[in-house]
Amino acid sequence: QQSDAMQWIKHQPQCDLLLTDPPFMTDVPDISQFVEWLPLAWSKVKSTGRAYVFVGAYPAELRAYLNVCERHNLPLAQVLTWTYRNTMGPAPKMQYFLNYQAVLYFVGLDAGELDCPLLTELCASQDMAHPARSIERVYQWQKPDDLIEGYIRHATKAGDLVLDPFAGSGTTLLAAARLGRLARGCEIKSDVVKIAVERGCIRHE
């Protein structure tokens, strides 16, 4: 659905998994205000559910999310990372390449064990190529299918509901559908919604 995330979240049912990739601080006017979407979204997750939220590796952005988690007493269990080595720009002079993204991992009070038979998938840091160099890339902020599918498999079972309030080109929604989960999402940009529909997402008004 094409919609503003905050308005869309208000009308969603309780879900089993929140998995989303919101805009980084470089794409919003004020990250400290923007992060207020998170407490509202977490209120839509069942006590048995979980959430994975991709976050940029900028200190100010991490600080904003950690602050909102503390203020609202959100059950942040770990900060996972997705690392990649296949996208690097000009060599920085005073800093290091930011070749990773943080993933805030939240666990509901009554959540069961992770469904993760492969021990390598239990590593907090997942090293996986960025789609930027892939022929399958259709969107600037696209995440690897394998990474998203892994998180969905770990945290849900067939028939569970997955919500993504920043659905982008539909990677999470399509991965959930392939795994037999129900999925609902929104994206505010009409051109990006078009990409998601072209990839196989069903648009609802």
Protein backbone atom coordinates (compact mmCIF):
# COMPACT_ATOMS: atom_id res chain seq x y z
CA GLN A 1 0.00 0.00 0.00
CA GLN A 2 1.20 3.51 -0.76
CA SER A 3 1.00 5.37 2.54
CA ASP A 4 2.84 7.28 5.23
CA ALA A 5 4.30 4.73 7.65
CA MET A 6 2.95 6.29 10.86
CA GLN A 7 -0.60 6.47 9.55
CA TRP A 8 -0.40 2.97 8.10
CA ILE A 9 0.92 1.41 11.31
CA LYS A 10 -2.01 2.77 13.33
CA HIS A 11 -4.45 0.65 11.33
CA GLN A 12 -2.53 -2.65 11.32
CA PRO A 13 -3.43 -5.79 13.29
CA GLN A 14 -1.12 -7.46 15.78
CA CYS A 15 1.73 -9.21 13.99
CA ASP A 16 4.23 -11.97 14.70
CA LEU A 17 7.20 -10.16 13.18
CA LEU A 18 8.14 -6.58 12.40
CA LEU A 19 10.95 -6.56 9.84
CA THR A 20 11.79 -3.27 8.19
CA ASP A 21 14.46 -1.02 6.72
CA PRO A 22 13.53 2.62 7.45
CA PRO A 23 15.28 5.59 5.82
CA PHE A 24 18.70 6.43 7.20
CA MET A 25 19.36 9.74 8.95
CA THR A 26 20.80 11.12 5.69
CA ASP A 27 17.30 10.91 4.17
CA VAL A 28 15.19 12.47 6.94
CA PRO A 29 15.16 16.04 8.32
CA ASP A 30 15.56 15.12 12.00
CA ILE A 31 16.47 11.58 13.03
CA SER A 32 15.58 12.19 16.70
CA GLN A 33 11.98 12.96 15.69
CA PHE A 34 11.80 10.38 12.93
CA VAL A 35 12.56 7.43 15.25
CA GLU A 36 9.26 7.96 17.07
CA TRP A 37 7.74 5.56 14.54
CA LEU A 38 9.39 2.66 16.39
CA PRO A 39 7.39 2.60 19.66
CA LEU A 40 4.15 2.73 17.68
CA ALA A 41 5.27 -0.11 15.42
CA TRP A 42 6.42 -2.26 18.36
CA SER A 43 2.96 -1.84 19.92
CA LYS A 44 1.65 -3.86 16.96
CA VAL A 45 3.91 -6.86 17.71
CA LYS A 46 2.45 -9.70 19.78
CA SER A 47 4.10 -10.55 23.10
CA THR A 48 5.29 -13.73 21.37
CA GLY A 49 6.79 -11.78 18.47
CA ARG A 50 10.06 -10.23 17.42
CA ALA A 51 11.38 -7.33 15.38
CA TYR A 52 14.41 -6.68 13.19
CA VAL A 53 15.04 -3.04 12.28
CA PHE A 54 17.88 -2.08 9.94
CA VAL A 55 19.74 1.04 11.05
CA GLY A 56 22.56 3.03 9.47
CA ALA A 57 26.02 2.83 11.01
CA TYR A 58 26.16 6.55 11.84
CA PRO A 59 26.75 7.29 15.56
CA ALA A 60 23.98 9.92 15.68
CA GLU A 61 21.49 7.50 14.14
CA LEU A 62 22.39 4.67 16.48
CA ARG A 63 22.17 7.09 19.42
CA ALA A 64 18.69 8.25 18.36
CA TYR A 65 17.37 4.70 18.17
CA LEU A 66 18.97 3.62 21.44
CA ASN A 67 17.51 6.70 23.14
CA VAL A 68 13.98 6.01 21.90
CA CYS A 69 14.30 2.39 23.02
CA GLU A 70 15.28 3.53 26.51
CA ARG A 71 12.56 6.18 26.77
CA HIS A 72 9.82 3.74 25.77
CA ASN A 73 11.29 0.69 27.49
CA LEU A 74 11.43 -1.30 24.24
CA PRO A 75 12.84 -4.83 24.61
CA LEU A 76 16.02 -4.41 22.57
CA ALA A 77 17.84 -7.72 22.99
CA GLN A 78 20.85 -7.27 20.71
CA VAL A 79 22.37 -5.12 18.00
CA LEU A 80 23.12 -7.44 15.08
CA THR A 81 25.14 -6.45 12.03
CA TRP A 82 25.07 -7.12 8.32
CA THR A 83 28.52 -6.69 6.79
CA TYR A 84 29.48 -6.54 3.13
CA ARG A 85 32.79 -6.06 1.31
CA ASN A 86 31.67 -5.51 -2.26
CA THR A 87 30.68 -1.83 -2.12
CA MET A 88 33.25 0.83 -1.32
CA GLY A 89 33.52 4.41 -2.50
CA PRO A 90 36.48 6.77 -2.43
CA ALA A 91 39.02 6.02 0.31
CA PRO A 92 38.28 8.13 3.40
CA LYS A 93 41.15 10.20 4.84
CA MET A 94 40.22 10.33 8.53
CA GLN A 95 37.70 7.50 9.02
CA TYR A 96 37.00 3.89 8.07
CA PHE A 97 34.68 2.47 5.43
CA LEU A 98 31.20 1.88 6.82
CA ASN A 99 30.73 -1.52 5.21
CA TYR A 100 28.04 -2.68 7.63
CA GLN A 101 24.55 -1.88 8.82
CA ALA A 102 23.19 -2.41 12.30
CA VAL A 103 20.06 -4.49 12.86
CA LEU A 104 18.17 -3.79 16.07
CA TYR A 105 16.76 -7.08 17.35
CA PHE A 106 13.77 -6.97 19.70
CA VAL A 107 12.24 -9.97 21.50
CA GLY A 108 8.74 -10.10 22.97
CA LEU A 109 8.27 -11.17 26.58
CA ASP A 110 6.59 -14.46 25.63
CA ALA A 111 8.60 -15.27 22.50
CA GLY A 112 9.75 -18.84 21.97
CA GLU A 113 13.11 -20.07 20.78
CA LEU A 114 14.56 -19.06 17.45
CA ASP A 115 14.01 -21.59 14.68
CA CYS A 116 17.60 -21.70 13.50
CA PRO A 117 19.05 -25.19 12.85
CA LEU A 118 22.21 -23.82 11.20
CA LEU A 119 24.65 -22.55 13.83
CA THR A 120 26.29 -20.21 11.33
CA GLU A 121 22.97 -18.37 11.03
CA LEU A 122 23.06 -17.70 14.77
CA CYS A 123 26.09 -15.44 14.38
CA ALA A 124 25.17 -11.88 15.35
CA SER A 125 27.15 -10.61 12.37
CA GLN A 126 26.14 -11.89 8.96
CA ASP A 127 28.66 -11.34 6.15
CA MET A 128 26.72 -11.25 2.90
CA ALA A 129 27.28 -9.49 -0.41
CA HIS A 130 25.43 -6.24 -1.00
CA PRO A 131 22.93 -6.34 -3.92
CA ALA A 132 24.56 -3.20 -5.32
CA ARG A 133 26.71 -5.29 -7.65
CA SER A 134 24.01 -7.82 -8.47
CA ILE A 135 21.95 -8.02 -11.66
CA GLU A 136 18.94 -8.67 -9.41
CA ARG A 137 19.21 -5.19 -7.89
CA VAL A 138 16.16 -3.08 -8.68
CA TYR A 139 16.22 -0.52 -5.88
CA GLN A 140 18.87 1.63 -4.21
CA TRP A 141 18.25 0.35 -0.66
CA GLN A 142 17.49 -3.27 -1.52
CA LYS A 143 18.60 -5.91 1.00
CA PRO A 144 19.86 -9.43 0.17
CA ASP A 145 17.05 -11.95 -0.18
CA ASP A 146 18.97 -14.58 1.80
CA LEU A 147 19.46 -12.24 4.75
CA ILE A 148 15.78 -11.29 4.93
CA GLU A 149 14.58 -14.86 4.43
CA GLY A 150 16.87 -16.00 7.23
CA TYR A 151 15.42 -13.58 9.77
CA ILE A 152 11.87 -14.52 8.75
CA ARG A 153 12.58 -18.24 9.09
CA HIS A 154 14.21 -17.76 12.48
CA ALA A 155 11.36 -15.75 13.99
CA THR A 156 8.14 -17.05 12.43
CA LYS A 157 6.27 -20.10 11.24
CA ALA A 158 3.98 -20.68 8.25
CA GLY A 159 0.85 -18.56 8.46
CA ASP A 160 2.37 -15.91 10.73
CA LEU A 161 1.94 -12.22 9.90
CA VAL A 162 4.93 -10.05 8.97
CA LEU A 163 4.66 -6.25 8.89
CA ASP A 164 6.99 -3.87 7.05
CA PRO A 165 6.09 -0.16 7.34
CA PHE A 166 9.00 0.86 5.09
CA ALA A 167 8.57 -1.82 2.44
CA GLY A 168 10.60 -0.21 -0.34
CA SER A 169 10.76 -2.50 -3.35
CA GLY A 170 9.03 -5.32 -1.46
CA THR A 171 11.93 -7.60 -0.53
CA THR A 172 10.52 -8.46 2.91
CA LEU A 173 6.98 -8.96 1.63
CA LEU A 174 8.08 -11.24 -1.20
CA ALA A 175 10.40 -13.25 1.05
CA ALA A 176 7.61 -13.76 3.58
CA ALA A 177 5.24 -14.93 0.86
CA ARG A 178 7.78 -17.42 -0.49
CA LEU A 179 8.07 -18.88 3.00
CA GLY A 180 4.31 -19.24 3.45
CA ARG A 181 3.88 -16.28 5.77
CA LEU A 182 1.31 -13.49 5.47
CA ALA A 183 2.81 -10.09 4.77
CA ARG A 184 1.61 -6.51 4.77
CA GLY A 185 3.62 -3.37 4.07
CA CYS A 186 3.55 0.22 2.93
CA GLU A 187 5.82 2.57 1.03
CA ILE A 188 5.31 6.31 0.64
CA LYS A 189 7.00 6.79 -2.77
CA SER A 190 4.79 5.93 -5.73
CA ASP A 191 7.70 5.08 -8.04
CA VAL A 192 9.05 2.59 -5.49
CA VAL A 193 5.58 1.07 -5.02
CA LYS A 194 5.56 0.51 -8.78
CA ILE A 195 8.83 -1.43 -8.51
CA ALA A 196 7.40 -3.59 -5.73
CA VAL A 197 4.31 -4.36 -7.82
CA GLU A 198 6.46 -5.23 -10.83
CA ARG A 199 8.38 -7.68 -8.62
CA GLY A 200 5.17 -9.43 -7.60
CA CYS A 201 3.65 -7.52 -4.66
CA ILE A 202 -0.10 -6.94 -4.69
CA ARG A 203 -1.10 -3.32 -4.26
CA HIS A 204 -4.03 -2.40 -1.98
CA GLU A 205 -5.55 1.07 -1.78
